[in-house]
Amino acid sequence: MTGTIPPEIKLLKDLVKLDLSNNNLQGSIPEALYRLTGLEEITLFKNQLTGKLSSSLGNLWSLY
């Protein structure tokens, strides 16, 4: 995959695991990702993501 993480990712409300590693994703992590409060696991390594993590990361209570 290339490009950015689209803001429409917020539509995947029942998503539990997200693995976008080993892609060529660029840009920052969209605020919409932090709305996926059921996420238990997220993997984003080996991309070209930039910027800071949002304080909204605290909304992802289920991450371990």
PDB file of N, CA and C in Angstrom:
ATOM      1  N   MET A   1       0.835  -1.172   0.000  1.00  0.00           N
ATOM      2  CA  MET A   1       0.000   0.000   0.000  1.00  0.00           C
ATOM      3  C   MET A   1       0.882   1.238   0.000  1.00  0.00           C
ATOM      4  N   THR A   2       0.436   2.253  -0.661  1.00  0.00           N
ATOM      5  CA  THR A   2       1.126   3.533  -0.624  1.00  0.00           C
ATOM      6  C   THR A   2       0.106   4.626  -0.357  1.00  0.00           C
ATOM      7  N   GLY A   3       0.588   5.799  -0.049  1.00  0.00           N
ATOM      8  CA  GLY A   3      -0.304   6.924   0.207  1.00  0.00           C
ATOM      9  C   GLY A   3      -0.425   7.191   1.692  1.00  0.00           C
ATOM     10  N   THR A   4      -1.588   7.655   2.095  1.00  0.00           N
ATOM     11  CA  THR A   4      -1.835   7.992   3.492  1.00  0.00           C
ATOM     12  C   THR A   4      -2.913   7.075   4.072  1.00  0.00           C
ATOM     13  N   ILE A   5      -3.022   7.090   5.379  1.00  0.00           N
ATOM     14  CA  ILE A   5      -4.126   6.373   6.030  1.00  0.00           C
ATOM     15  C   ILE A   5      -5.347   7.268   5.865  1.00  0.00           C
ATOM     16  N   PRO A   6      -6.370   6.806   5.179  1.00  0.00           N
ATOM     17  CA  PRO A   6      -7.521   7.674   4.896  1.00  0.00           C
ATOM     18  C   PRO A   6      -8.370   7.932   6.146  1.00  0.00           C
ATOM     19  N   PRO A   7      -8.971   9.115   6.235  1.00  0.00           N
ATOM     20  CA  PRO A   7      -9.829   9.415   7.392  1.00  0.00           C
ATOM     21  C   PRO A   7     -11.053   8.513   7.468  1.00  0.00           C
ATOM     22  N   GLU A   8     -11.410   7.892   6.349  1.00  0.00           N
ATOM     23  CA  GLU A   8     -12.561   6.977   6.332  1.00  0.00           C
ATOM     24  C   GLU A   8     -12.320   5.721   7.158  1.00  0.00           C
ATOM     25  N   ILE A   9     -11.108   5.552   7.655  1.00  0.00           N
ATOM     26  CA  ILE A   9     -10.806   4.396   8.500  1.00  0.00           C
ATOM     27  C   ILE A   9     -11.737   4.364   9.716  1.00  0.00           C
ATOM     28  N   LYS A  10     -12.245   5.530  10.103  1.00  0.00           N
ATOM     29  CA  LYS A  10     -13.158   5.598  11.251  1.00  0.00           C
ATOM     30  C   LYS A  10     -14.445   4.816  11.026  1.00  0.00           C
ATOM     31  N   LEU A  11     -14.737   4.470   9.779  1.00  0.00           N
ATOM     32  CA  LEU A  11     -15.945   3.716   9.463  1.00  0.00           C
ATOM     33  C   LEU A  11     -15.827   2.247   9.857  1.00  0.00           C
ATOM     34  N   LEU A  12     -14.620   1.798  10.143  1.00  0.00           N
ATOM     35  CA  LEU A  12     -14.385   0.400  10.536  1.00  0.00           C
ATOM     36  C   LEU A  12     -14.556   0.273  12.054  1.00  0.00           C
ATOM     37  N   LYS A  13     -15.722   0.595  12.541  1.00  0.00           N
ATOM     38  CA  LYS A  13     -15.993   0.716  13.972  1.00  0.00           C
ATOM     39  C   LYS A  13     -15.765  -0.562  14.768  1.00  0.00           C
ATOM     40  N   ASP A  14     -15.914  -1.721  14.147  1.00  0.00           N
ATOM     41  CA  ASP A  14     -15.758  -2.989  14.857  1.00  0.00           C
ATOM     42  C   ASP A  14     -14.365  -3.585  14.711  1.00  0.00           C
ATOM     43  N   LEU A  15     -13.450  -2.811  14.164  1.00  0.00           N
ATOM     44  CA  LEU A  15     -12.088  -3.292  13.942  1.00  0.00           C
ATOM     45  C   LEU A  15     -11.389  -3.549  15.272  1.00  0.00           C
ATOM     46  N   VAL A  16     -10.769  -4.721  15.395  1.00  0.00           N
ATOM     47  CA  VAL A  16     -10.074  -5.095  16.619  1.00  0.00           C
ATOM     48  C   VAL A  16      -8.568  -5.104  16.398  1.00  0.00           C
ATOM     49  N   LYS A  17      -8.131  -5.536  15.232  1.00  0.00           N
ATOM     50  CA  LYS A  17      -6.707  -5.626  14.934  1.00  0.00           C
ATOM     51  C   LYS A  17      -6.440  -4.922  13.614  1.00  0.00           C
ATOM     52  N   LEU A  18      -5.427  -4.058  13.598  1.00  0.00           N
ATOM     53  CA  LEU A  18      -5.049  -3.328  12.394  1.00  0.00           C
ATOM     54  C   LEU A  18      -3.553  -3.469  12.190  1.00  0.00           C
ATOM     55  N   ASP A  19      -3.160  -4.083  11.091  1.00  0.00           N
ATOM     56  CA  ASP A  19      -1.741  -4.249  10.769  1.00  0.00           C
ATOM     57  C   ASP A  19      -1.483  -3.608   9.415  1.00  0.00           C
ATOM     58  N   LEU A  20      -0.871  -2.453   9.433  1.00  0.00           N
ATOM     59  CA  LEU A  20      -0.507  -1.736   8.209  1.00  0.00           C
ATOM     60  C   LEU A  20       1.007  -1.679   8.052  1.00  0.00           C
ATOM     61  N   SER A  21       1.708  -2.590   8.696  1.00  0.00           N
ATOM     62  CA  SER A  21       3.162  -2.581   8.650  1.00  0.00           C
ATOM     63  C   SER A  21       3.674  -2.986   7.269  1.00  0.00           C
ATOM     64  N   ASN A  22       4.926  -2.604   7.018  1.00  0.00           N
ATOM     65  CA  ASN A  22       5.626  -2.950   5.777  1.00  0.00           C
ATOM     66  C   ASN A  22       4.947  -2.399   4.532  1.00  0.00           C
ATOM     67  N   ASN A  23       4.462  -1.195   4.612  1.00  0.00           N
ATOM     68  CA  ASN A  23       3.875  -0.509   3.470  1.00  0.00           C
ATOM     69  C   ASN A  23       4.678   0.758   3.223  1.00  0.00           C
ATOM     70  N   ASN A  24       4.211   1.563   2.330  1.00  0.00           N
ATOM     71  CA  ASN A  24       4.861   2.844   2.067  1.00  0.00           C
ATOM     72  C   ASN A  24       3.898   3.971   2.423  1.00  0.00           C
ATOM     73  N   LEU A  25       3.282   3.859   3.598  1.00  0.00           N
ATOM     74  CA  LEU A  25       2.340   4.880   4.042  1.00  0.00           C
ATOM     75  C   LEU A  25       3.115   6.119   4.469  1.00  0.00           C
ATOM     76  N   GLN A  26       2.568   7.277   4.131  1.00  0.00           N
ATOM     77  CA  GLN A  26       3.225   8.547   4.428  1.00  0.00           C
ATOM     78  C   GLN A  26       2.264   9.464   5.153  1.00  0.00           C
ATOM     79  N   GLY A  27       2.782  10.556   5.658  1.00  0.00           N
ATOM     80  CA  GLY A  27       1.954  11.535   6.341  1.00  0.00           C
ATOM     81  C   GLY A  27       1.779  11.181   7.808  1.00  0.00           C
ATOM     82  N   SER A  28       0.823  11.819   8.424  1.00  0.00           N
ATOM     83  CA  SER A  28       0.595  11.593   9.848  1.00  0.00           C
ATOM     84  C   SER A  28      -0.554  10.607  10.057  1.00  0.00           C
ATOM     85  N   ILE A  29      -0.671  10.140  11.275  1.00  0.00           N
ATOM     86  CA  ILE A  29      -1.772   9.252  11.636  1.00  0.00           C
ATOM     87  C   ILE A  29      -3.017  10.128  11.762  1.00  0.00           C
ATOM     88  N   PRO A  30      -4.064   9.836  11.005  1.00  0.00           N
ATOM     89  CA  PRO A  30      -5.253  10.696  11.049  1.00  0.00           C
ATOM     90  C   PRO A  30      -5.974  10.604  12.393  1.00  0.00           C
ATOM     91  N   GLU A  31      -6.550  11.692  12.804  1.00  0.00           N
ATOM     92  CA  GLU A  31      -7.302  11.743  14.062  1.00  0.00           C
ATOM     93  C   GLU A  31      -8.427  10.707  14.066  1.00  0.00           C
ATOM     94  N   ALA A  32      -8.935  10.378  12.886  1.00  0.00           N
ATOM     95  CA  ALA A  32     -10.022   9.400  12.763  1.00  0.00           C
ATOM     96  C   ALA A  32      -9.619   8.026  13.307  1.00  0.00           C
ATOM     97  N   LEU A  33      -8.352   7.683  13.242  1.00  0.00           N
ATOM     98  CA  LEU A  33      -7.890   6.390  13.730  1.00  0.00           C
ATOM     99  C   LEU A  33      -8.130   6.260  15.235  1.00  0.00           C
ATOM    100  N   TYR A  34      -8.037   7.370  15.939  1.00  0.00           N
ATOM    101  CA  TYR A  34      -8.207   7.346  17.388  1.00  0.00           C
ATOM    102  C   TYR A  34      -9.671   7.180  17.796  1.00  0.00           C
ATOM    103  N   ARG A  35     -10.569   7.155  16.842  1.00  0.00           N
ATOM    104  CA  ARG A  35     -11.992   6.922  17.127  1.00  0.00           C
ATOM    105  C   ARG A  35     -12.334   5.436  17.140  1.00  0.00           C
ATOM    106  N   LEU A  36     -11.384   4.603  16.765  1.00  0.00           N
ATOM    107  CA  LEU A  36     -11.605   3.148  16.738  1.00  0.00           C
ATOM    108  C   LEU A  36     -11.343   2.590  18.132  1.00  0.00           C
ATOM    109  N   THR A  37     -12.246   2.878  19.038  1.00  0.00           N
ATOM    110  CA  THR A  37     -12.037   2.569  20.455  1.00  0.00           C
ATOM    111  C   THR A  37     -12.022   1.079  20.774  1.00  0.00           C
ATOM    112  N   GLY A  38     -12.422   0.226  19.842  1.00  0.00           N
ATOM    113  CA  GLY A  38     -12.377  -1.213  20.073  1.00  0.00           C
ATOM    114  C   GLY A  38     -11.051  -1.843  19.668  1.00  0.00           C
ATOM    115  N   LEU A  39     -10.128  -1.037  19.117  1.00  0.00           N
ATOM    116  CA  LEU A  39      -8.840  -1.580  18.696  1.00  0.00           C
ATOM    117  C   LEU A  39      -8.089  -2.164  19.882  1.00  0.00           C
ATOM    118  N   GLU A  40      -7.637  -3.393  19.712  1.00  0.00           N
ATOM    119  CA  GLU A  40      -6.823  -4.043  20.726  1.00  0.00           C
ATOM    120  C   GLU A  40      -5.357  -4.064  20.314  1.00  0.00           C
ATOM    121  N   GLU A  41      -5.123  -4.014  19.016  1.00  0.00           N
ATOM    122  CA  GLU A  41      -3.753  -4.094  18.510  1.00  0.00           C
ATOM    123  C   GLU A  41      -3.633  -3.265  17.243  1.00  0.00           C
ATOM    124  N   ILE A  42      -2.556  -2.498  17.143  1.00  0.00           N
ATOM    125  CA  ILE A  42      -2.275  -1.725  15.940  1.00  0.00           C
ATOM    126  C   ILE A  42      -0.779  -1.813  15.656  1.00  0.00           C
ATOM    127  N   THR A  43      -0.439  -2.104  14.416  1.00  0.00           N
ATOM    128  CA  THR A  43       0.953  -2.239  14.009  1.00  0.00           C
ATOM    129  C   THR A  43       1.184  -1.361  12.788  1.00  0.00           C
ATOM    130  N   LEU A  44       2.127  -0.445  12.906  1.00  0.00           N
ATOM    131  CA  LEU A  44       2.377   0.521  11.831  1.00  0.00           C
ATOM    132  C   LEU A  44       3.849   0.614  11.444  1.00  0.00           C
ATOM    133  N   PHE A  45       4.672  -0.315  11.900  1.00  0.00           N
ATOM    134  CA  PHE A  45       6.106  -0.165  11.642  1.00  0.00           C
ATOM    135  C   PHE A  45       6.454  -0.339  10.163  1.00  0.00           C
ATOM    136  N   LYS A  46       7.644   0.132   9.804  1.00  0.00           N
ATOM    137  CA  LYS A  46       8.199   0.101   8.438  1.00  0.00           C
ATOM    138  C   LYS A  46       7.308   0.858   7.452  1.00  0.00           C
ATOM    139  N   ASN A  47       6.978   2.096   7.818  1.00  0.00           N
ATOM    140  CA  ASN A  47       6.272   3.041   6.962  1.00  0.00           C
ATOM    141  C   ASN A  47       7.027   4.357   7.027  1.00  0.00           C
ATOM    142  N   GLN A  48       6.529   5.350   6.373  1.00  0.00           N
ATOM    143  CA  GLN A  48       7.149   6.670   6.357  1.00  0.00           C
ATOM    144  C   GLN A  48       6.253   7.675   7.076  1.00  0.00           C
ATOM    145  N   LEU A  49       5.624   7.257   8.155  1.00  0.00           N
ATOM    146  CA  LEU A  49       4.705   8.122   8.897  1.00  0.00           C
ATOM    147  C   LEU A  49       5.489   9.198   9.638  1.00  0.00           C
ATOM    148  N   THR A  50       4.907  10.395   9.723  1.00  0.00           N
ATOM    149  CA  THR A  50       5.560  11.528  10.364  1.00  0.00           C
ATOM    150  C   THR A  50       4.622  12.156  11.384  1.00  0.00           C
ATOM    151  N   GLY A  51       5.145  13.074  12.150  1.00  0.00           N
ATOM    152  CA  GLY A  51       4.332  13.808  13.107  1.00  0.00           C
ATOM    153  C   GLY A  51       4.328  13.154  14.473  1.00  0.00           C
ATOM    154  N   LYS A  52       3.513  13.724  15.336  1.00  0.00           N
ATOM    155  CA  LYS A  52       3.416  13.256  16.717  1.00  0.00           C
ATOM    156  C   LYS A  52       2.142  12.446  16.908  1.00  0.00           C
ATOM    157  N   LEU A  53       2.161  11.578  17.900  1.00  0.00           N
ATOM    158  CA  LEU A  53       0.942  10.865  18.283  1.00  0.00           C
ATOM    159  C   LEU A  53       0.012  11.858  18.969  1.00  0.00           C
ATOM    160  N   SER A  54      -1.248  11.744  18.675  1.00  0.00           N
ATOM    161  CA  SER A  54      -2.252  12.628  19.265  1.00  0.00           C
ATOM    162  C   SER A  54      -2.510  12.245  20.719  1.00  0.00           C
ATOM    163  N   SER A  55      -2.889  13.221  21.515  1.00  0.00           N
ATOM    164  CA  SER A  55      -3.287  12.921  22.894  1.00  0.00           C
ATOM    165  C   SER A  55      -4.550  12.065  22.916  1.00  0.00           C
ATOM    166  N   SER A  56      -5.245  11.983  21.773  1.00  0.00           N
ATOM    167  CA  SER A  56      -6.431  11.128  21.657  1.00  0.00           C
ATOM    168  C   SER A  56      -6.078   9.651  21.737  1.00  0.00           C
ATOM    169  N   LEU A  57      -4.795   9.336  21.706  1.00  0.00           N
ATOM    170  CA  LEU A  57      -4.356   7.951  21.861  1.00  0.00           C
ATOM    171  C   LEU A  57      -4.918   7.364  23.162  1.00  0.00           C
ATOM    172  N   GLY A  58      -5.124   8.212  24.145  1.00  0.00           N
ATOM    173  CA  GLY A  58      -5.693   7.773  25.421  1.00  0.00           C
ATOM    174  C   GLY A  58      -7.119   7.266  25.309  1.00  0.00           C
ATOM    175  N   ASN A  59      -7.784   7.540  24.174  1.00  0.00           N
ATOM    176  CA  ASN A  59      -9.145   7.038  23.958  1.00  0.00           C
ATOM    177  C   ASN A  59      -9.165   5.563  23.593  1.00  0.00           C
ATOM    178  N   LEU A  60      -8.028   5.024  23.244  1.00  0.00           N
ATOM    179  CA  LEU A  60      -7.949   3.619  22.812  1.00  0.00           C
ATOM    180  C   LEU A  60      -7.685   2.730  24.030  1.00  0.00           C
ATOM    181  N   TRP A  61      -8.690   2.597  24.859  1.00  0.00           N
ATOM    182  CA  TRP A  61      -8.598   1.865  26.111  1.00  0.00           C
ATOM    183  C   TRP A  61      -8.269   0.391  25.931  1.00  0.00           C
ATOM    184  N   SER A  62      -8.648  -0.185  24.809  1.00  0.00           N
ATOM    185  CA  SER A  62      -8.495  -1.630  24.624  1.00  0.00           C
ATOM    186  C   SER A  62      -7.116  -2.040  24.135  1.00  0.00           C
ATOM    187  N   LEU A  63      -6.257  -1.080  23.772  1.00  0.00           N
ATOM    188  CA  LEU A  63      -4.913  -1.435  23.285  1.00  0.00           C
ATOM    189  C   LEU A  63      -4.127  -2.130  24.370  1.00  0.00           C
ATOM    190  N   TYR A  64      -3.393  -3.150  23.949  1.00  0.00           N
ATOM    191  CA  TYR A  64      -2.484  -3.826  24.886  1.00  0.00           C
ATOM    192  C   TYR A  64      -1.154  -4.018  24.236  1.00  0.00           C
TER     193      TYR A  64
END
